Amino acid sequence: MNLVWGSTLEGPSKRFALLALADRASDQGECSSLGVPTLCRKTGIKRSTMFGLLRDLEQQDRLIQREEQTRANGSRKASRIWINLPLLVTMQHGADEHSADEPANPFGVSAAHPAVQNPDDGSRTPVQELDGLTVQNLDGHRPDHGPLDPFSCSDTEKNPETDGRIEPSAEHKNLAVRIVDGLDLRQCGPSPKQIAQISGAVAEALARGVAAPTVAEYARQKAQEAQTVKYLIRAFAEQYLPATVVPTSPDRLPVCGQCDARPGDPIGLRQTTDAHGRAVKCPRCHPHAREVGQ
């Protein structure tokens, strides 16, 4: 799985689909009896989209190979899928060399790679240190992306039609993807679209001249606190975007800290107790309570 996170594969949806395959793959890259419905449940991707992603991964990127399987009565069952691990290794940022006696897969090249293995005891491995900050990916292994260098916003231009927003450069967008890849977002369970939204918020912070180590450390801290993706995106907006860009609608009021809700909790949990011991909407931060003057 670490090979997928460290690869240069473009497109968050493709990477998410390949991650779901890698989660069920053997050391040789074999995924047996893993059907499209299972992949859709694991990733939240629509069935039609998943078919297209698998087709692109097989025909365009050459990263998987599918083998049709049939039952004894002649009916079809889930295809056997092989991940092209040798090609995936060549797509790494600083890929390691493989020994010649490793097990081979249908692509004819040795495929086993120690980076695919997770710690046996379930512990998290030491994280990578990048200019004084720490970044760690989902399975506990450090991503081999190289150092993160801060960028200035000198190569970005402000678009007056975006109400104070700055359009990040390609360098900022690529760097943001690398930062988000290193976050532990399992408790949020983000979809590929939400991952792209987080990357966009990080990229805009970089485009405003904030140093990459500072942005990455802030993202790591907020990812540990966040229960939802919306909270993480909101945190970046409040920290790095001007007041004209940050949404100010009542349903986006921050948690007051005096009710039962915590940052990232649903709006409905913003409750407190009245004089009669009944649970009521918090008058300080619940949008509906503020609207009706409760």
C-alpha atoms as a PDB file:
ATOM      1  CA  MET A   1       0.000   0.000   0.000  1.00  0.00           C
ATOM      2  CA  ASN A   2       2.925   2.320   0.707  1.00  0.00           C
ATOM      3  CA  LEU A   3       3.990   1.947  -2.923  1.00  0.00           C
ATOM      4  CA  VAL A   4       0.709   3.517  -4.018  1.00  0.00           C
ATOM      5  CA  TRP A   5       1.016   6.502  -1.663  1.00  0.00           C
ATOM      6  CA  GLY A   6       4.594   7.136  -2.753  1.00  0.00           C
ATOM      7  CA  SER A   7       3.904   6.819  -6.474  1.00  0.00           C
ATOM      8  CA  THR A   8       3.640   9.574  -9.040  1.00  0.00           C
ATOM      9  CA  LEU A   9       0.237   8.312 -10.253  1.00  0.00           C
ATOM     10  CA  GLU A  10      -1.899  11.312 -11.160  1.00  0.00           C
ATOM     11  CA  GLY A  11      -5.535  11.646 -10.134  1.00  0.00           C
ATOM     12  CA  PRO A  12      -6.825  11.094  -6.572  1.00  0.00           C
ATOM     13  CA  SER A  13      -9.620   8.787  -7.754  1.00  0.00           C
ATOM     14  CA  LYS A  14      -7.186   6.483  -9.547  1.00  0.00           C
ATOM     15  CA  ARG A  15      -4.941   6.392  -6.518  1.00  0.00           C
ATOM     16  CA  PHE A  16      -7.902   5.690  -4.223  1.00  0.00           C
ATOM     17  CA  ALA A  17      -9.040   2.775  -6.406  1.00  0.00           C
ATOM     18  CA  LEU A  18      -5.507   1.385  -6.561  1.00  0.00           C
ATOM     19  CA  LEU A  19      -5.224   1.714  -2.775  1.00  0.00           C
ATOM     20  CA  ALA A  20      -8.365  -0.401  -2.354  1.00  0.00           C
ATOM     21  CA  LEU A  21      -6.805  -3.065  -4.577  1.00  0.00           C
ATOM     22  CA  ALA A  22      -3.466  -2.913  -2.764  1.00  0.00           C
ATOM     23  CA  ASP A  23      -5.253  -3.376   0.562  1.00  0.00           C
ATOM     24  CA  ARG A  24      -6.318  -6.857  -0.571  1.00  0.00           C
ATOM     25  CA  ALA A  25      -3.220  -7.744  -2.585  1.00  0.00           C
ATOM     26  CA  SER A  26      -0.619 -10.386  -1.754  1.00  0.00           C
ATOM     27  CA  ASP A  27       3.121  -9.687  -1.735  1.00  0.00           C
ATOM     28  CA  GLN A  28       3.125 -10.596  -5.429  1.00  0.00           C
ATOM     29  CA  GLY A  29       0.338  -8.122  -6.221  1.00  0.00           C
ATOM     30  CA  GLU A  30      -2.469 -10.691  -6.657  1.00  0.00           C
ATOM     31  CA  CYS A  31      -6.034  -9.681  -5.720  1.00  0.00           C
ATOM     32  CA  SER A  32      -8.329 -12.705  -5.885  1.00  0.00           C
ATOM     33  CA  SER A  33     -12.126 -12.526  -5.948  1.00  0.00           C
ATOM     34  CA  LEU A  34     -12.260  -8.755  -5.536  1.00  0.00           C
ATOM     35  CA  GLY A  35     -15.266  -7.526  -7.497  1.00  0.00           C
ATOM     36  CA  VAL A  36     -16.329  -4.044  -8.511  1.00  0.00           C
ATOM     37  CA  PRO A  37     -19.167  -3.897  -5.907  1.00  0.00           C
ATOM     38  CA  THR A  38     -16.619  -4.575  -3.151  1.00  0.00           C
ATOM     39  CA  LEU A  39     -14.318  -1.862  -4.473  1.00  0.00           C
ATOM     40  CA  CYS A  40     -17.229   0.583  -4.594  1.00  0.00           C
ATOM     41  CA  ARG A  41     -18.149  -0.142  -0.968  1.00  0.00           C
ATOM     42  CA  LYS A  42     -14.550   0.313   0.175  1.00  0.00           C
ATOM     43  CA  THR A  43     -13.992   3.591  -1.665  1.00  0.00           C
ATOM     44  CA  GLY A  44     -17.440   5.174  -1.986  1.00  0.00           C
ATOM     45  CA  ILE A  45     -16.847   5.559  -5.734  1.00  0.00           C
ATOM     46  CA  LYS A  46     -19.820   5.036  -8.069  1.00  0.00           C
ATOM     47  CA  ARG A  47     -19.998   1.784 -10.021  1.00  0.00           C
ATOM     48  CA  SER A  48     -19.761   3.419 -13.450  1.00  0.00           C
ATOM     49  CA  THR A  49     -16.810   5.537 -12.325  1.00  0.00           C
ATOM     50  CA  MET A  50     -15.036   2.497 -10.888  1.00  0.00           C
ATOM     51  CA  PHE A  51     -15.347   0.640 -14.197  1.00  0.00           C
ATOM     52  CA  GLY A  52     -13.726   3.597 -15.940  1.00  0.00           C
ATOM     53  CA  LEU A  53     -10.930   3.836 -13.365  1.00  0.00           C
ATOM     54  CA  LEU A  54     -10.102   0.133 -13.669  1.00  0.00           C
ATOM     55  CA  ARG A  55     -10.098   0.427 -17.453  1.00  0.00           C
ATOM     56  CA  ASP A  56      -7.700   3.375 -17.319  1.00  0.00           C
ATOM     57  CA  LEU A  57      -5.439   1.658 -14.791  1.00  0.00           C
ATOM     58  CA  GLU A  58      -5.238  -1.387 -17.061  1.00  0.00           C
ATOM     59  CA  GLN A  59      -5.130   0.108 -20.561  1.00  0.00           C
ATOM     60  CA  GLN A  60      -3.684   3.578 -20.039  1.00  0.00           C
ATOM     61  CA  ASP A  61      -1.423   3.304 -16.991  1.00  0.00           C
ATOM     62  CA  ARG A  62      -0.633  -0.435 -17.342  1.00  0.00           C
ATOM     63  CA  LEU A  63      -0.711  -0.743 -13.557  1.00  0.00           C
ATOM     64  CA  ILE A  64      -3.130  -3.678 -13.311  1.00  0.00           C
ATOM     65  CA  GLN A  65      -3.950  -6.797 -15.301  1.00  0.00           C
ATOM     66  CA  ARG A  66      -7.343  -8.478 -15.039  1.00  0.00           C
ATOM     67  CA  GLU A  67      -7.982 -12.175 -15.579  1.00  0.00           C
ATOM     68  CA  GLU A  68     -11.576 -13.316 -16.097  1.00  0.00           C
ATOM     69  CA  GLN A  69     -12.731 -16.223 -13.896  1.00  0.00           C
ATOM     70  CA  THR A  70     -15.673 -18.586 -14.302  1.00  0.00           C
ATOM     71  CA  ARG A  71     -17.425 -21.031 -12.014  1.00  0.00           C
ATOM     72  CA  ALA A  72     -17.909 -24.728 -12.717  1.00  0.00           C
ATOM     73  CA  ASN A  73     -21.358 -24.035 -14.205  1.00  0.00           C
ATOM     74  CA  GLY A  74     -19.884 -21.537 -16.650  1.00  0.00           C
ATOM     75  CA  SER A  75     -21.090 -18.356 -14.907  1.00  0.00           C
ATOM     76  CA  ARG A  76     -18.679 -15.490 -14.397  1.00  0.00           C
ATOM     77  CA  LYS A  77     -17.287 -14.479 -11.019  1.00  0.00           C
ATOM     78  CA  ALA A  78     -15.044 -11.684  -9.774  1.00  0.00           C
ATOM     79  CA  SER A  79     -11.929 -11.232 -11.871  1.00  0.00           C
ATOM     80  CA  ARG A  80      -8.484 -11.974 -10.531  1.00  0.00           C
ATOM     81  CA  ILE A  81      -6.494  -8.734 -10.614  1.00  0.00           C
ATOM     82  CA  TRP A  82      -2.726  -8.421 -10.609  1.00  0.00           C
ATOM     83  CA  ILE A  83      -1.061  -5.142  -9.636  1.00  0.00           C
ATOM     84  CA  ASN A  84       1.979  -4.335 -11.760  1.00  0.00           C
ATOM     85  CA  LEU A  85       4.301  -3.868  -8.795  1.00  0.00           C
ATOM     86  CA  PRO A  86       7.488  -3.594 -10.883  1.00  0.00           C
ATOM     87  CA  LEU A  87       6.041  -0.649 -12.809  1.00  0.00           C
ATOM     88  CA  LEU A  88       4.701   0.864  -9.585  1.00  0.00           C
ATOM     89  CA  VAL A  89       8.196   0.689  -8.090  1.00  0.00           C
ATOM     90  CA  THR A  90       9.601   2.677 -11.016  1.00  0.00           C
ATOM     91  CA  MET A  91       7.004   5.388 -10.326  1.00  0.00           C
ATOM     92  CA  GLN A  92       8.303   6.014  -6.799  1.00  0.00           C
ATOM     93  CA  HIS A  93      10.089   9.128  -5.602  1.00  0.00           C
ATOM     94  CA  GLY A  94      13.507   7.494  -5.082  1.00  0.00           C
ATOM     95  CA  ALA A  95      12.517   3.860  -5.732  1.00  0.00           C
ATOM     96  CA  ASP A  96      14.548   1.042  -4.157  1.00  0.00           C
ATOM     97  CA  GLU A  97      16.258  -1.674  -6.178  1.00  0.00           C
ATOM     98  CA  HIS A  98      14.851  -5.204  -6.094  1.00  0.00           C
ATOM     99  CA  SER A  99      16.751  -8.439  -5.844  1.00  0.00           C
ATOM    100  CA  ALA A 100      16.638 -10.875  -8.739  1.00  0.00           C
ATOM    101  CA  ASP A 101      15.397 -13.838  -6.674  1.00  0.00           C
ATOM    102  CA  GLU A 102      12.143 -12.244  -5.468  1.00  0.00           C
ATOM    103  CA  PRO A 103       8.825 -13.917  -6.431  1.00  0.00           C
ATOM    104  CA  ALA A 104       7.553 -12.975  -9.871  1.00  0.00           C
ATOM    105  CA  ASN A 105       4.054 -12.046 -10.978  1.00  0.00           C
ATOM    106  CA  PRO A 106       2.328 -12.345 -14.399  1.00  0.00           C
ATOM    107  CA  PHE A 107       4.206  -9.279 -15.644  1.00  0.00           C
ATOM    108  CA  GLY A 108       7.408 -11.327 -15.652  1.00  0.00           C
ATOM    109  CA  VAL A 109       9.420  -9.187 -13.215  1.00  0.00           C
ATOM    110  CA  SER A 110      10.109  -9.660  -9.515  1.00  0.00           C
ATOM    111  CA  ALA A 111       7.406  -7.979  -7.500  1.00  0.00           C
ATOM    112  CA  ALA A 112       7.750  -8.371  -3.729  1.00  0.00           C
ATOM    113  CA  HIS A 113       8.698  -5.187  -1.954  1.00  0.00           C
ATOM    114  CA  PRO A 114       9.317  -4.746   1.777  1.00  0.00           C
ATOM    115  CA  ALA A 115       7.540  -1.400   1.794  1.00  0.00           C
ATOM    116  CA  VAL A 116       4.214  -3.197   1.232  1.00  0.00           C
ATOM    117  CA  GLN A 117       4.458  -4.898   4.617  1.00  0.00           C
ATOM    118  CA  ASN A 118       2.810  -3.278   7.625  1.00  0.00           C
ATOM    119  CA  PRO A 119       4.261  -3.560  11.152  1.00  0.00           C
ATOM    120  CA  ASP A 120       3.338  -6.951  12.638  1.00  0.00           C
ATOM    121  CA  ASP A 121       2.698  -5.540  16.099  1.00  0.00           C
ATOM    122  CA  GLY A 122       0.385  -2.797  14.844  1.00  0.00           C
ATOM    123  CA  SER A 123       2.687  -0.042  16.053  1.00  0.00           C
ATOM    124  CA  ARG A 124       3.359   3.038  13.999  1.00  0.00           C
ATOM    125  CA  THR A 125       6.831   3.376  12.544  1.00  0.00           C
ATOM    126  CA  PRO A 126       8.955   6.497  13.047  1.00  0.00           C
ATOM    127  CA  VAL A 127       7.768   9.363  10.938  1.00  0.00           C
ATOM    128  CA  GLN A 128       9.785  11.292   8.424  1.00  0.00           C
ATOM    129  CA  GLU A 129      11.315  14.570   9.532  1.00  0.00           C
ATOM    130  CA  LEU A 130      11.116  17.362   6.995  1.00  0.00           C
ATOM    131  CA  ASP A 131      12.708  20.654   7.972  1.00  0.00           C
ATOM    132  CA  GLY A 132      11.568  20.380  11.575  1.00  0.00           C
ATOM    133  CA  LEU A 133       8.087  18.994  10.885  1.00  0.00           C
ATOM    134  CA  THR A 134       6.728  15.459  10.832  1.00  0.00           C
ATOM    135  CA  VAL A 135       4.603  13.859   8.146  1.00  0.00           C
ATOM    136  CA  GLN A 136       3.214  10.335   8.236  1.00  0.00           C
ATOM    137  CA  ASN A 137       0.997   8.481   5.795  1.00  0.00           C
ATOM    138  CA  LEU A 138      -1.980   6.226   6.484  1.00  0.00           C
ATOM    139  CA  ASP A 139      -0.196   2.896   7.006  1.00  0.00           C
ATOM    140  CA  GLY A 140       2.497   4.250   9.298  1.00  0.00           C
ATOM    141  CA  HIS A 141       5.385   4.217   6.823  1.00  0.00           C
ATOM    142  CA  ARG A 142       7.206   7.403   6.004  1.00  0.00           C
ATOM    143  CA  PRO A 143       6.630   8.653   2.435  1.00  0.00           C
ATOM    144  CA  ASP A 144       9.807   9.074   0.399  1.00  0.00           C
ATOM    145  CA  HIS A 145       8.959  12.385  -1.210  1.00  0.00           C
ATOM    146  CA  GLY A 146      12.170  14.249  -0.439  1.00  0.00           C
ATOM    147  CA  PRO A 147      12.370  17.581   1.386  1.00  0.00           C
ATOM    148  CA  LEU A 148       9.529  20.052   1.297  1.00  0.00           C
ATOM    149  CA  ASP A 149      10.777  23.479   0.309  1.00  0.00           C
ATOM    150  CA  PRO A 150       8.741  26.600   1.085  1.00  0.00           C
ATOM    151  CA  PHE A 151       7.407  28.536  -1.881  1.00  0.00           C
ATOM    152  CA  SER A 152       6.600  32.200  -2.037  1.00  0.00           C
ATOM    153  CA  CYS A 153       3.499  33.580  -3.720  1.00  0.00           C
ATOM    154  CA  SER A 154       5.578  35.550  -6.228  1.00  0.00           C
ATOM    155  CA  ASP A 155       4.540  33.245  -9.057  1.00  0.00           C
ATOM    156  CA  THR A 156       0.822  33.479  -8.283  1.00  0.00           C
ATOM    157  CA  GLU A 157      -1.653  36.095  -9.311  1.00  0.00           C
ATOM    158  CA  LYS A 158      -4.760  37.294  -7.544  1.00  0.00           C
ATOM    159  CA  ASN A 159      -7.920  36.761  -9.513  1.00  0.00           C
ATOM    160  CA  PRO A 160     -10.391  39.587  -8.798  1.00  0.00           C
ATOM    161  CA  GLU A 161     -13.282  37.354  -9.840  1.00  0.00           C
ATOM    162  CA  THR A 162     -12.621  34.918  -6.971  1.00  0.00           C
ATOM    163  CA  ASP A 163     -13.409  37.422  -4.171  1.00  0.00           C
ATOM    164  CA  GLY A 164      -9.950  37.597  -2.626  1.00  0.00           C
ATOM    165  CA  ARG A 165      -8.801  34.083  -3.447  1.00  0.00           C
ATOM    166  CA  ILE A 166      -5.425  33.314  -5.014  1.00  0.00           C
ATOM    167  CA  GLU A 167      -5.038  30.706  -7.736  1.00  0.00           C
ATOM    168  CA  PRO A 168      -2.197  28.361  -6.657  1.00  0.00           C
ATOM    169  CA  SER A 169       0.543  27.518  -9.119  1.00  0.00           C
ATOM    170  CA  ALA A 170       1.195  23.977 -10.360  1.00  0.00           C
ATOM    171  CA  GLU A 171       4.110  23.713  -7.910  1.00  0.00           C
ATOM    172  CA  HIS A 172       1.886  24.654  -4.998  1.00  0.00           C
ATOM    173  CA  LYS A 173      -0.777  22.151  -6.067  1.00  0.00           C
ATOM    174  CA  ASN A 174       1.760  19.321  -6.382  1.00  0.00           C
ATOM    175  CA  LEU A 175       3.282  20.173  -3.012  1.00  0.00           C
ATOM    176  CA  ALA A 176      -0.182  20.280  -1.429  1.00  0.00           C
ATOM    177  CA  VAL A 177      -0.934  16.776  -2.728  1.00  0.00           C
ATOM    178  CA  ARG A 178       2.270  15.526  -1.123  1.00  0.00           C
ATOM    179  CA  ILE A 179       1.377  17.152   2.205  1.00  0.00           C
ATOM    180  CA  VAL A 180      -2.163  15.714   2.201  1.00  0.00           C
ATOM    181  CA  ASP A 181      -0.812  12.270   1.257  1.00  0.00           C
ATOM    182  CA  GLY A 182       1.123  12.352   4.524  1.00  0.00           C
ATOM    183  CA  LEU A 183      -1.876  13.081   6.749  1.00  0.00           C
ATOM    184  CA  ASP A 184      -3.645  10.462   8.851  1.00  0.00           C
ATOM    185  CA  LEU A 185      -7.262  10.994   7.749  1.00  0.00           C
ATOM    186  CA  ARG A 186      -8.694   7.600   8.639  1.00  0.00           C
ATOM    187  CA  GLN A 187     -11.086   8.995  11.268  1.00  0.00           C
ATOM    188  CA  CYS A 188     -12.535  11.407   8.683  1.00  0.00           C
ATOM    189  CA  GLY A 189     -12.942   8.753   5.973  1.00  0.00           C
ATOM    190  CA  PRO A 190     -12.592  11.266   3.122  1.00  0.00           C
ATOM    191  CA  SER A 191     -13.763  10.537  -0.404  1.00  0.00           C
ATOM    192  CA  PRO A 192     -11.485  11.306  -3.388  1.00  0.00           C
ATOM    193  CA  LYS A 193     -13.451  14.522  -3.965  1.00  0.00           C
ATOM    194  CA  GLN A 194     -12.942  15.594  -0.351  1.00  0.00           C
ATOM    195  CA  ILE A 195      -9.221  14.793  -0.550  1.00  0.00           C
ATOM    196  CA  ALA A 196      -9.056  17.103  -3.553  1.00  0.00           C
ATOM    197  CA  GLN A 197     -10.832  19.827  -1.525  1.00  0.00           C
ATOM    198  CA  ILE A 198      -8.313  19.484   1.300  1.00  0.00           C
ATOM    199  CA  SER A 199      -5.450  19.661  -1.198  1.00  0.00           C
ATOM    200  CA  GLY A 200      -6.976  22.822  -2.657  1.00  0.00           C
ATOM    201  CA  ALA A 201      -7.115  24.479   0.771  1.00  0.00           C
ATOM    202  CA  VAL A 202      -3.488  23.534   1.460  1.00  0.00           C
ATOM    203  CA  ALA A 203      -2.393  24.766  -1.976  1.00  0.00           C
ATOM    204  CA  GLU A 204      -4.043  28.150  -1.435  1.00  0.00           C
ATOM    205  CA  ALA A 205      -2.271  28.539   1.904  1.00  0.00           C
ATOM    206  CA  LEU A 206       1.037  27.832   0.152  1.00  0.00           C
ATOM    207  CA  ALA A 207       0.138  30.300  -2.590  1.00  0.00           C
ATOM    208  CA  ARG A 208      -0.287  33.013   0.034  1.00  0.00           C
ATOM    209  CA  GLY A 209       3.370  32.680   0.982  1.00  0.00           C
ATOM    210  CA  VAL A 210       3.060  30.451   4.054  1.00  0.00           C
ATOM    211  CA  ALA A 211       6.109  28.184   4.361  1.00  0.00           C
ATOM    212  CA  ALA A 212       5.512  24.534   3.492  1.00  0.00           C
ATOM    213  CA  PRO A 213       6.763  23.186   6.867  1.00  0.00           C
ATOM    214  CA  THR A 214       4.381  25.545   8.671  1.00  0.00           C
ATOM    215  CA  VAL A 215       1.418  24.487   6.526  1.00  0.00           C
ATOM    216  CA  ALA A 216       2.255  20.781   6.852  1.00  0.00           C
ATOM    217  CA  GLU A 217       2.599  20.956  10.636  1.00  0.00           C
ATOM    218  CA  TYR A 218      -0.705  22.856  10.951  1.00  0.00           C
ATOM    219  CA  ALA A 219      -2.403  20.297   8.693  1.00  0.00           C
ATOM    220  CA  ARG A 220      -1.041  17.426  10.766  1.00  0.00           C
ATOM    221  CA  GLN A 221      -2.304  18.961  14.022  1.00  0.00           C
ATOM    222  CA  LYS A 222      -5.763  19.718  12.637  1.00  0.00           C
ATOM    223  CA  ALA A 223      -6.027  16.257  11.055  1.00  0.00           C
ATOM    224  CA  GLN A 224      -5.583  14.743  14.526  1.00  0.00           C
ATOM    225  CA  GLU A 225      -8.427  16.902  15.889  1.00  0.00           C
ATOM    226  CA  ALA A 226     -10.801  16.652  12.943  1.00  0.00           C
ATOM    227  CA  GLN A 227     -13.749  14.279  12.951  1.00  0.00           C
ATOM    228  CA  THR A 228     -15.001  15.516   9.580  1.00  0.00           C
ATOM    229  CA  VAL A 229     -13.383  16.805   6.409  1.00  0.00           C
ATOM    230  CA  LYS A 230     -15.435  20.024   6.609  1.00  0.00           C
ATOM    231  CA  TYR A 231     -13.797  20.876   9.922  1.00  0.00           C
ATOM    232  CA  LEU A 232     -10.321  20.472   8.403  1.00  0.00           C
ATOM    233  CA  ILE A 233     -11.132  22.670   5.393  1.00  0.00           C
ATOM    234  CA  ARG A 234     -12.756  25.252   7.664  1.00  0.00           C
ATOM    235  CA  ALA A 235      -9.658  25.313   9.875  1.00  0.00           C
ATOM    236  CA  PHE A 236      -7.470  26.186   6.902  1.00  0.00           C
ATOM    237  CA  ALA A 237      -9.860  28.902   5.780  1.00  0.00           C
ATOM    238  CA  GLU A 238      -9.887  30.557   9.202  1.00  0.00           C
ATOM    239  CA  GLN A 239      -6.117  30.305   9.594  1.00  0.00           C
ATOM    240  CA  TYR A 240      -4.821  31.391   6.196  1.00  0.00           C
ATOM    241  CA  LEU A 241      -7.595  32.979   4.126  1.00  0.00           C
ATOM    242  CA  PRO A 242      -8.646  36.632   4.447  1.00  0.00           C
ATOM    243  CA  ALA A 243     -11.890  37.441   6.229  1.00  0.00           C
ATOM    244  CA  THR A 244     -13.611  38.219   2.917  1.00  0.00           C
ATOM    245  CA  VAL A 245     -13.102  34.605   1.823  1.00  0.00           C
ATOM    246  CA  VAL A 246     -13.961  32.771   5.036  1.00  0.00           C
ATOM    247  CA  PRO A 247     -17.672  31.784   5.042  1.00  0.00           C
ATOM    248  CA  THR A 248     -19.670  33.610   7.708  1.00  0.00           C
ATOM    249  CA  SER A 249     -23.066  31.946   7.353  1.00  0.00           C
ATOM    250  CA  PRO A 250     -24.726  30.953  10.664  1.00  0.00           C
ATOM    251  CA  ASP A 251     -24.328  27.211  10.052  1.00  0.00           C
ATOM    252  CA  ARG A 252     -20.555  27.650   9.983  1.00  0.00           C
ATOM    253  CA  LEU A 253     -20.193  29.275  13.401  1.00  0.00           C
ATOM    254  CA  PRO A 254     -17.341  27.736  15.412  1.00  0.00           C
ATOM    255  CA  VAL A 255     -18.104  25.662  18.497  1.00  0.00           C
ATOM    256  CA  CYS A 256     -18.377  27.959  21.516  1.00  0.00           C
ATOM    257  CA  GLY A 257     -16.707  25.497  23.893  1.00  0.00           C
ATOM    258  CA  GLN A 258     -19.435  25.900  26.530  1.00  0.00           C
ATOM    259  CA  CYS A 259     -21.877  23.308  25.152  1.00  0.00           C
ATOM    260  CA  ASP A 260     -21.703  19.536  24.616  1.00  0.00           C
ATOM    261  CA  ALA A 261     -20.184  19.731  21.123  1.00  0.00           C
ATOM    262  CA  ARG A 262     -16.524  19.467  20.182  1.00  0.00           C
ATOM    263  CA  PRO A 263     -14.831  20.847  17.061  1.00  0.00           C
ATOM    264  CA  GLY A 264     -15.811  18.704  14.102  1.00  0.00           C
ATOM    265  CA  ASP A 265     -19.025  17.347  15.666  1.00  0.00           C
ATOM    266  CA  PRO A 266     -22.341  17.625  13.771  1.00  0.00           C
ATOM    267  CA  ILE A 267     -24.431  20.765  14.304  1.00  0.00           C
ATOM    268  CA  GLY A 268     -27.085  18.745  16.140  1.00  0.00           C
ATOM    269  CA  LEU A 269     -24.713  18.047  19.038  1.00  0.00           C
ATOM    270  CA  ARG A 270     -24.464  21.744  19.879  1.00  0.00           C
ATOM    271  CA  GLN A 271     -26.787  21.472  22.868  1.00  0.00           C
ATOM    272  CA  THR A 272     -26.877  22.620  26.444  1.00  0.00           C
ATOM    273  CA  THR A 273     -29.229  22.196  29.412  1.00  0.00           C
ATOM    274  CA  ASP A 274     -31.838  24.789  30.425  1.00  0.00           C
ATOM    275  CA  ALA A 275     -33.070  25.617  33.919  1.00  0.00           C
ATOM    276  CA  HIS A 276     -35.516  22.684  33.798  1.00  0.00           C
ATOM    277  CA  GLY A 277     -32.832  20.149  32.889  1.00  0.00           C
ATOM    278  CA  ARG A 278     -33.991  19.807  29.290  1.00  0.00           C
ATOM    279  CA  ALA A 279     -31.601  19.603  26.351  1.00  0.00           C
ATOM    280  CA  VAL A 280     -31.905  22.700  24.165  1.00  0.00           C
ATOM    281  CA  LYS A 281     -29.995  24.128  21.227  1.00  0.00           C
ATOM    282  CA  CYS A 282     -26.944  26.071  22.307  1.00  0.00           C
ATOM    283  CA  PRO A 283     -27.834  29.794  22.064  1.00  0.00           C
ATOM    284  CA  ARG A 284     -24.188  30.706  21.459  1.00  0.00           C
ATOM    285  CA  CYS A 285     -23.207  28.513  18.501  1.00  0.00           C
ATOM    286  CA  HIS A 286     -26.222  26.530  17.203  1.00  0.00           C
ATOM    287  CA  PRO A 287     -27.391  28.337  14.025  1.00  0.00           C
ATOM    288  CA  HIS A 288     -31.076  27.503  14.485  1.00  0.00           C
ATOM    289  CA  ALA A 289     -31.096  28.725  18.075  1.00  0.00           C
ATOM    290  CA  ARG A 290     -29.577  32.034  16.986  1.00  0.00           C
ATOM    291  CA  GLU A 291     -32.109  32.407  14.177  1.00  0.00           C
ATOM    292  CA  VAL A 292     -35.154  31.985  16.428  1.00  0.00           C
ATOM    293  CA  GLY A 293     -33.590  33.786  19.373  1.00  0.00           C
ATOM    294  CA  GLN A 294     -33.795  30.739  21.645  1.00  0.00           C
END
